[in-house]
């Protein structure tokens, strides 16, 4: 098994993808809007990659936070609120905000599970900063670490109840970026003391099953390399100070914050200490390059993967989808 998660090009697997994925055996797959047509199509697609992998619990990921980061969209699937909605409710009723976030995440997870998706790239634990890039903005669960932690834990729990693994992101914190890492490399000049605010939610949720790195340079920790490519940040901050020992994946290595060829970036991230490479765009030449250069997944990676997927190995907790949405909406109306 190769320690990489690949994207798919369309609504069905192409013959070329079938042949390549069968040989490459990637650790998992990630879906985007281009892969989400309707319920029957999406279930057929996820069933096909699951059958191709030969693993019933092969990770099939999606970015379905709610708000503007939603790959499964109306009218086929209901819209879900962005993190900011729960942050606003927390101002007036913290316990209700936590309950609303948990109910919303459980319903969202049920929607994903019906489509055959078992990993959601949520919750976002980035602490919002007043001058931060709009790339985070209303996606954040708040500007205070305790609040972000509490709401993030509720999201993880709601997803787990539906049989979906959550991925906390973007470790060790994207809130201070003032430019969009999709387009350029952000540099964070805050000192180590100030950065304690950013890592606090990740420390509190260090037992999360999976996490995603960020492509930011933190000058206080490593002035030369972004977190994804920094052995110092991964060993000393993510594995050390934060204490995270779950499955650590990169953010998409195709983002413009990282320079170099796809295979070079993938190898550098693996050498820095990431368990898994995330390559989202289903470009066959890039996938072939990356797969050809990567070694097989390490025993540590495989152990972390097994632990993460075991957190949702049992039957999902029974719940009524409409009742969860009604509960969420009644609570959000309090704000």
Protein backbone atom coordinates (compact mmCIF):
# COMPACT_ATOMS: atom_id res chain seq x y z
CA UNK A 1 0.00 0.00 0.00
CA UNK A 2 1.34 3.43 -0.97
CA UNK A 3 1.01 6.19 1.65
CA UNK A 4 -1.00 8.51 -0.58
CA UNK A 5 -4.61 9.58 -1.00
CA UNK A 6 -5.55 10.29 -4.62
CA UNK A 7 -8.42 12.17 -6.21
CA UNK A 8 -10.73 10.78 -8.89
CA UNK A 9 -11.39 12.49 -12.20
CA UNK A 10 -15.16 12.21 -12.55
CA UNK A 11 -18.44 10.53 -11.74
CA UNK A 12 -17.12 7.04 -12.47
CA UNK A 13 -13.71 5.39 -12.53
CA UNK A 14 -12.09 5.47 -15.94
CA UNK A 15 -10.46 2.28 -17.27
CA UNK A 16 -7.07 3.97 -16.85
CA UNK A 17 -7.81 4.81 -13.23
CA UNK A 18 -8.91 1.26 -12.53
CA UNK A 19 -5.68 -0.14 -13.90
CA UNK A 20 -3.50 2.42 -12.15
CA UNK A 21 -5.19 2.23 -8.75
CA UNK A 22 -5.20 -1.57 -8.83
CA UNK A 23 -1.42 -1.54 -9.25
CA UNK A 24 -0.59 1.47 -7.06
CA UNK A 25 -2.89 0.49 -4.15
CA UNK A 26 -3.16 3.98 -2.61
CA UNK A 27 -4.04 4.22 1.06
CA UNK A 28 -7.26 6.04 0.20
CA UNK A 29 -9.21 8.36 -2.07
CA UNK A 30 -10.70 11.85 -1.82
CA UNK A 31 -13.84 13.13 -3.55
CA UNK A 32 -14.69 16.60 -4.84
CA UNK A 33 -17.70 18.26 -6.42
CA UNK A 34 -16.74 16.73 -9.78
CA UNK A 35 -17.35 13.31 -8.24
CA UNK A 36 -20.74 14.07 -6.67
CA UNK A 37 -23.62 13.81 -9.12
CA UNK A 38 -26.51 12.17 -7.28
CA UNK A 39 -27.05 9.60 -4.55
CA UNK A 40 -27.06 6.50 -6.74
CA UNK A 41 -24.04 7.61 -8.77
CA UNK A 42 -22.01 8.54 -5.73
CA UNK A 43 -22.73 5.29 -3.94
CA UNK A 44 -21.77 3.36 -7.06
CA UNK A 45 -18.50 5.30 -7.27
CA UNK A 46 -17.54 4.70 -3.65
CA UNK A 47 -18.54 1.04 -3.91
CA UNK A 48 -16.33 0.68 -6.97
CA UNK A 49 -13.19 2.07 -5.30
CA UNK A 50 -13.89 0.02 -2.18
CA UNK A 51 -14.19 -3.14 -4.26
CA UNK A 52 -11.09 -2.23 -6.26
CA UNK A 53 -9.02 -1.73 -3.09
CA UNK A 54 -10.14 -5.01 -1.54
CA UNK A 55 -10.46 -3.21 1.81
CA UNK A 56 -13.91 -2.73 3.32
CA UNK A 57 -12.61 0.17 5.40
CA UNK A 58 -10.51 1.90 2.75
CA UNK A 59 -10.57 5.61 3.63
CA UNK A 60 -12.81 7.55 1.24
CA UNK A 61 -12.51 11.21 2.13
CA UNK A 62 -14.40 14.38 1.34
CA UNK A 63 -14.21 18.04 2.40
CA UNK A 64 -17.74 18.54 3.71
CA UNK A 65 -17.47 21.17 6.44
CA UNK A 66 -20.71 23.01 5.69
CA UNK A 67 -20.98 26.51 4.30
CA UNK A 68 -18.78 27.24 1.29
CA UNK A 69 -16.65 24.11 1.74
CA UNK A 70 -19.24 21.57 0.62
CA UNK A 71 -18.68 19.12 -2.20
CA UNK A 72 -22.12 17.49 -1.95
CA UNK A 73 -24.51 20.33 -2.72
CA UNK A 74 -28.20 21.17 -3.11
CA UNK A 75 -30.55 20.26 -4.59
CA UNK A 76 -29.37 16.65 -4.32
CA UNK A 77 -28.14 17.08 -0.74
CA UNK A 78 -29.11 19.60 1.95
CA UNK A 79 -26.89 22.55 2.77
CA UNK A 80 -25.20 22.65 6.17
CA UNK A 81 -24.10 25.77 8.05
CA UNK A 82 -20.50 26.93 8.28
CA UNK A 83 -18.61 26.92 11.58
CA UNK A 84 -19.39 30.57 12.21
CA UNK A 85 -23.07 29.74 12.89
CA UNK A 86 -22.12 27.68 15.95
CA UNK A 87 -19.65 30.33 17.05
CA UNK A 88 -22.45 32.93 17.09
CA UNK A 89 -24.70 30.66 19.14
CA UNK A 90 -21.86 30.00 21.59
CA UNK A 91 -21.89 33.74 22.41
CA UNK A 92 -25.35 33.40 23.97
CA UNK A 93 -25.70 29.70 24.83
CA UNK A 94 -22.49 27.63 24.90
CA UNK A 95 -24.13 24.31 25.79
CA UNK A 96 -26.73 24.77 23.05
CA UNK A 97 -23.97 25.58 20.54
CA UNK A 98 -22.16 22.36 21.41
CA UNK A 99 -25.39 20.36 21.08
CA UNK A 100 -26.18 22.03 17.75
CA UNK A 101 -22.69 21.30 16.40
CA UNK A 102 -22.93 17.65 17.47
CA UNK A 103 -26.40 17.18 15.94
CA UNK A 104 -25.37 18.89 12.71
CA UNK A 105 -22.22 16.78 12.40
CA UNK A 106 -24.12 13.56 13.07
CA UNK A 107 -26.65 14.38 10.37
CA UNK A 108 -23.87 15.38 7.98
CA UNK A 109 -22.08 12.13 8.77
CA UNK A 110 -25.23 10.14 8.04
CA UNK A 111 -25.43 11.87 4.66
CA UNK A 112 -21.82 10.95 3.93
CA UNK A 113 -22.18 7.37 5.11
CA UNK A 114 -25.21 6.87 2.85
CA UNK A 115 -22.96 7.89 -0.05
CA UNK A 116 -20.20 5.50 1.04
CA UNK A 117 -17.88 8.17 2.43
CA UNK A 118 -16.23 7.23 5.74
CA UNK A 119 -13.80 10.12 6.41
CA UNK A 120 -14.65 13.83 6.56
CA UNK A 121 -11.96 16.52 6.48
CA UNK A 122 -13.49 18.33 9.44
CA UNK A 123 -13.50 19.90 11.99
CA UNK A 124 -11.45 22.99 11.34
CA UNK A 125 -9.58 23.85 14.56
CA UNK A 126 -7.89 26.98 13.25
CA UNK A 127 -8.34 29.86 15.71
CA UNK A 128 -9.68 32.87 13.81
CA UNK A 129 -7.50 35.99 13.87
CA UNK A 130 -8.80 39.47 12.97
CA UNK A 131 -6.35 39.93 10.10
CA UNK A 132 -6.46 36.32 8.85
CA UNK A 133 -7.08 35.34 5.25
CA UNK A 134 -10.70 34.97 4.10
CA UNK A 135 -9.68 31.44 3.09
CA UNK A 136 -10.44 30.61 6.74
CA UNK A 137 -12.98 33.30 7.70
CA UNK A 138 -16.46 31.93 8.41
CA UNK A 139 -15.16 28.37 8.32
CA UNK A 140 -13.61 28.83 11.77
CA UNK A 141 -15.40 27.73 14.94
CA UNK A 142 -14.24 30.83 16.77
CA UNK A 143 -11.44 33.12 17.86
CA UNK A 144 -11.02 31.68 21.36
CA UNK A 145 -9.20 28.34 21.75
CA UNK A 146 -11.50 26.82 24.39
CA UNK A 147 -14.55 27.50 22.25
CA UNK A 148 -12.91 26.06 19.13
CA UNK A 149 -11.93 22.98 21.13
CA UNK A 150 -15.40 22.41 22.55
CA UNK A 151 -17.16 22.82 19.21
CA UNK A 152 -14.51 20.78 17.42
CA UNK A 153 -14.94 17.92 19.87
CA UNK A 154 -18.69 18.03 19.28
CA UNK A 155 -18.15 17.77 15.52
CA UNK A 156 -15.81 14.79 15.94
CA UNK A 157 -18.32 13.08 18.20
CA UNK A 158 -21.25 13.73 15.85
CA UNK A 159 -19.35 12.32 12.88
CA UNK A 160 -18.25 9.29 14.90
CA UNK A 161 -21.85 8.54 15.90
CA UNK A 162 -22.66 8.35 12.19
CA UNK A 163 -19.73 6.03 11.47
CA UNK A 164 -17.47 8.69 9.92
CA UNK A 165 -13.89 9.52 10.95
CA UNK A 166 -13.10 13.20 11.43
CA UNK A 167 -9.86 14.89 10.37
CA UNK A 168 -8.79 17.88 12.49
CA UNK A 169 -7.15 20.62 10.47
CA UNK A 170 -4.96 22.51 9.72
CA UNK A 171 -2.31 21.44 12.23
CA UNK A 172 -0.56 23.27 13.89
CA UNK A 173 -2.90 26.17 12.99
CA UNK A 174 -3.87 28.20 9.92
CA UNK A 175 -5.53 31.14 11.66
CA UNK A 176 -2.63 33.60 11.39
CA UNK A 177 -2.13 33.21 7.65
CA UNK A 178 -2.78 36.52 5.88
CA UNK A 179 -2.56 35.04 2.37
CA UNK A 180 -4.27 32.00 0.89
CA UNK A 181 -1.99 28.95 0.84
CA UNK A 182 -3.84 27.71 -2.24
CA UNK A 183 -2.14 30.60 -4.06
CA UNK A 184 1.08 31.46 -2.20
CA UNK A 185 3.16 30.55 0.85
CA UNK A 186 2.03 32.27 4.07
CA UNK A 187 4.64 33.23 6.67
CA UNK A 188 3.71 33.59 10.33
CA UNK A 189 5.96 35.90 12.34
CA UNK A 190 4.31 35.45 15.74
CA UNK A 191 6.61 34.25 18.52
CA UNK A 192 6.34 30.87 20.20
CA UNK A 193 4.40 32.29 23.16
CA UNK A 194 1.73 33.75 20.89
CA UNK A 195 1.48 30.49 18.94
CA UNK A 196 0.34 28.70 22.08
CA UNK A 197 -3.11 30.11 21.24
CA UNK A 198 -3.04 28.44 17.83
CA UNK A 199 -2.03 25.00 19.05
CA UNK A 200 -4.29 24.88 22.12
CA UNK A 201 -7.32 23.34 20.30
CA UNK A 202 -5.06 20.70 18.77
CA UNK A 203 -3.59 19.89 22.19
CA UNK A 204 -7.07 19.50 23.66
CA UNK A 205 -8.10 17.23 20.78
CA UNK A 206 -4.75 15.44 20.44
CA UNK A 207 -6.51 12.08 20.57
CA UNK A 208 -8.31 12.79 17.26
CA UNK A 209 -7.94 9.85 14.86
CA UNK A 210 -6.62 11.87 11.91
CA UNK A 211 -5.14 15.30 11.27
CA UNK A 212 -4.13 17.43 8.29
CA UNK A 213 -1.10 19.72 8.17
CA UNK A 214 -0.94 23.28 6.88
CA UNK A 215 1.43 24.78 4.32
CA UNK A 216 2.55 27.72 6.49
CA UNK A 217 6.02 28.81 7.56
CA UNK A 218 6.14 29.46 11.31
CA UNK A 219 9.27 31.51 11.76
CA UNK A 220 9.41 30.81 15.50
CA UNK A 221 9.74 27.09 14.82
CA UNK A 222 11.30 26.72 11.36
CA UNK A 223 11.94 29.86 9.31
CA UNK A 224 12.92 27.88 6.20
CA UNK A 225 10.24 25.25 5.65
CA UNK A 226 6.43 25.16 5.77
CA UNK A 227 4.96 22.90 8.45
CA UNK A 228 4.11 20.13 5.96
CA UNK A 229 7.78 19.84 4.96
CA UNK A 230 9.37 20.61 8.32
CA UNK A 231 10.81 17.77 10.42
CA UNK A 232 11.11 20.28 13.26
CA UNK A 233 7.46 21.31 13.23
CA UNK A 234 6.20 17.74 12.84
CA UNK A 235 8.48 16.15 15.44
CA UNK A 236 8.75 18.95 18.01
CA UNK A 237 5.36 20.65 17.69
CA UNK A 238 2.82 18.24 16.20
CA UNK A 239 4.09 14.96 17.66
CA UNK A 240 5.82 16.62 20.63
CA UNK A 241 4.17 19.75 22.03
CA UNK A 242 0.68 18.92 20.73
CA UNK A 243 1.12 15.20 21.44
CA UNK A 244 -0.75 14.01 18.35
CA UNK A 245 -0.12 10.33 17.54
CA UNK A 246 -2.89 9.76 15.01
CA UNK A 247 -2.67 9.52 11.23
CA UNK A 248 -1.09 12.72 9.88
CA UNK A 249 -1.82 13.64 6.27
CA UNK A 250 -0.65 16.63 4.29
CA UNK A 251 -2.95 19.27 2.94
CA UNK A 252 -3.14 19.02 -0.84
CA UNK A 253 0.45 19.05 -2.09
CA UNK A 254 -0.67 20.71 -5.33
CA UNK A 255 -1.36 23.99 -3.49
CA UNK A 256 0.86 26.84 -4.67
CA UNK A 257 2.32 27.35 -1.18
CA UNK A 258 4.60 24.40 -1.96
CA UNK A 259 7.10 24.57 -4.80
CA UNK A 260 8.73 21.77 -6.76
CA UNK A 261 7.63 18.72 -8.70
CA UNK A 262 4.79 16.60 -7.28
CA UNK A 263 7.02 13.63 -6.51
CA UNK A 264 9.65 15.80 -4.83
CA UNK A 265 7.05 17.45 -2.61
CA UNK A 266 5.55 14.09 -1.69
CA UNK A 267 8.92 12.63 -0.73
CA UNK A 268 9.83 15.75 1.28
CA UNK A 269 6.58 15.60 3.25
CA UNK A 270 7.07 11.92 3.99
CA UNK A 271 10.67 12.54 5.06
CA UNK A 272 9.51 15.36 7.33
CA UNK A 273 7.27 12.94 9.22
CA UNK A 274 3.86 13.03 7.53
CA UNK A 275 2.22 9.60 7.32
CA UNK A 276 0.23 10.17 4.15
CA UNK A 277 0.38 12.43 1.10
CA UNK A 278 -2.81 14.10 -0.14
CA UNK A 279 -2.88 14.64 -3.92
CA UNK A 280 -6.31 15.80 -5.00
CA UNK A 281 -6.54 16.59 -8.68
CA UNK A 282 -6.54 13.18 -10.39
CA UNK A 283 -3.87 14.15 -12.91
CA UNK A 284 -2.64 10.80 -14.09
CA UNK A 285 0.91 11.90 -14.86
CA UNK A 286 1.33 13.36 -11.38
CA UNK A 287 -0.20 10.32 -9.69
CA UNK A 288 2.10 7.99 -11.61
CA UNK A 289 5.10 10.13 -10.65
CA UNK A 290 4.18 10.22 -6.98
CA UNK A 291 3.31 6.54 -6.75
CA UNK A 292 6.53 5.57 -8.49
CA UNK A 293 8.68 7.50 -6.02
CA UNK A 294 6.93 6.75 -2.73
CA UNK A 295 7.93 3.73 -0.65
CA UNK A 296 5.29 1.44 0.80
CA UNK A 297 3.43 2.74 3.83
CA UNK A 298 5.47 2.35 7.01
CA UNK A 299 4.38 0.07 9.87
CA UNK A 300 3.72 3.21 11.97
CA UNK A 301 1.48 4.63 9.24
CA UNK A 302 -0.45 1.37 8.92
CA UNK A 303 -0.89 1.11 12.69
CA UNK A 304 -2.22 4.68 12.89
CA UNK A 305 -4.55 4.02 9.97
CA UNK A 306 -5.91 0.89 11.63
CA UNK A 307 -6.48 2.73 14.92
CA UNK A 308 -8.25 5.59 13.15
CA UNK A 309 -10.62 3.39 11.17
CA UNK A 310 -11.32 1.23 14.24
CA UNK A 311 -12.94 4.25 15.92
CA UNK A 312 -15.93 3.78 13.60
CA UNK A 313 -15.80 0.01 13.22
CA UNK A 314 -19.05 -0.63 15.10
CA UNK A 315 -22.57 0.00 13.90
CA UNK A 316 -23.50 3.70 13.70
CA UNK A 317 -25.68 4.96 16.52
CA UNK A 318 -29.35 4.98 15.46
CA UNK A 319 -30.72 8.45 14.78
CA UNK A 320 -33.35 10.20 12.68
CA UNK A 321 -31.82 12.52 10.08
CA UNK A 322 -34.74 14.96 10.02
CA UNK A 323 -34.89 15.12 13.80
CA UNK A 324 -31.19 15.96 14.01
CA UNK A 325 -31.60 18.80 11.52
CA UNK A 326 -34.67 20.09 13.34
CA UNK A 327 -32.79 20.04 16.65
CA UNK A 328 -29.85 21.88 15.14
CA UNK A 329 -32.01 24.53 13.51
CA UNK A 330 -34.08 25.13 16.65
CA UNK A 331 -30.90 25.66 18.65
CA UNK A 332 -29.29 27.91 16.03
CA UNK A 333 -32.45 30.03 16.04
CA UNK A 334 -31.60 31.04 19.62
CA UNK A 335 -28.84 33.24 18.23
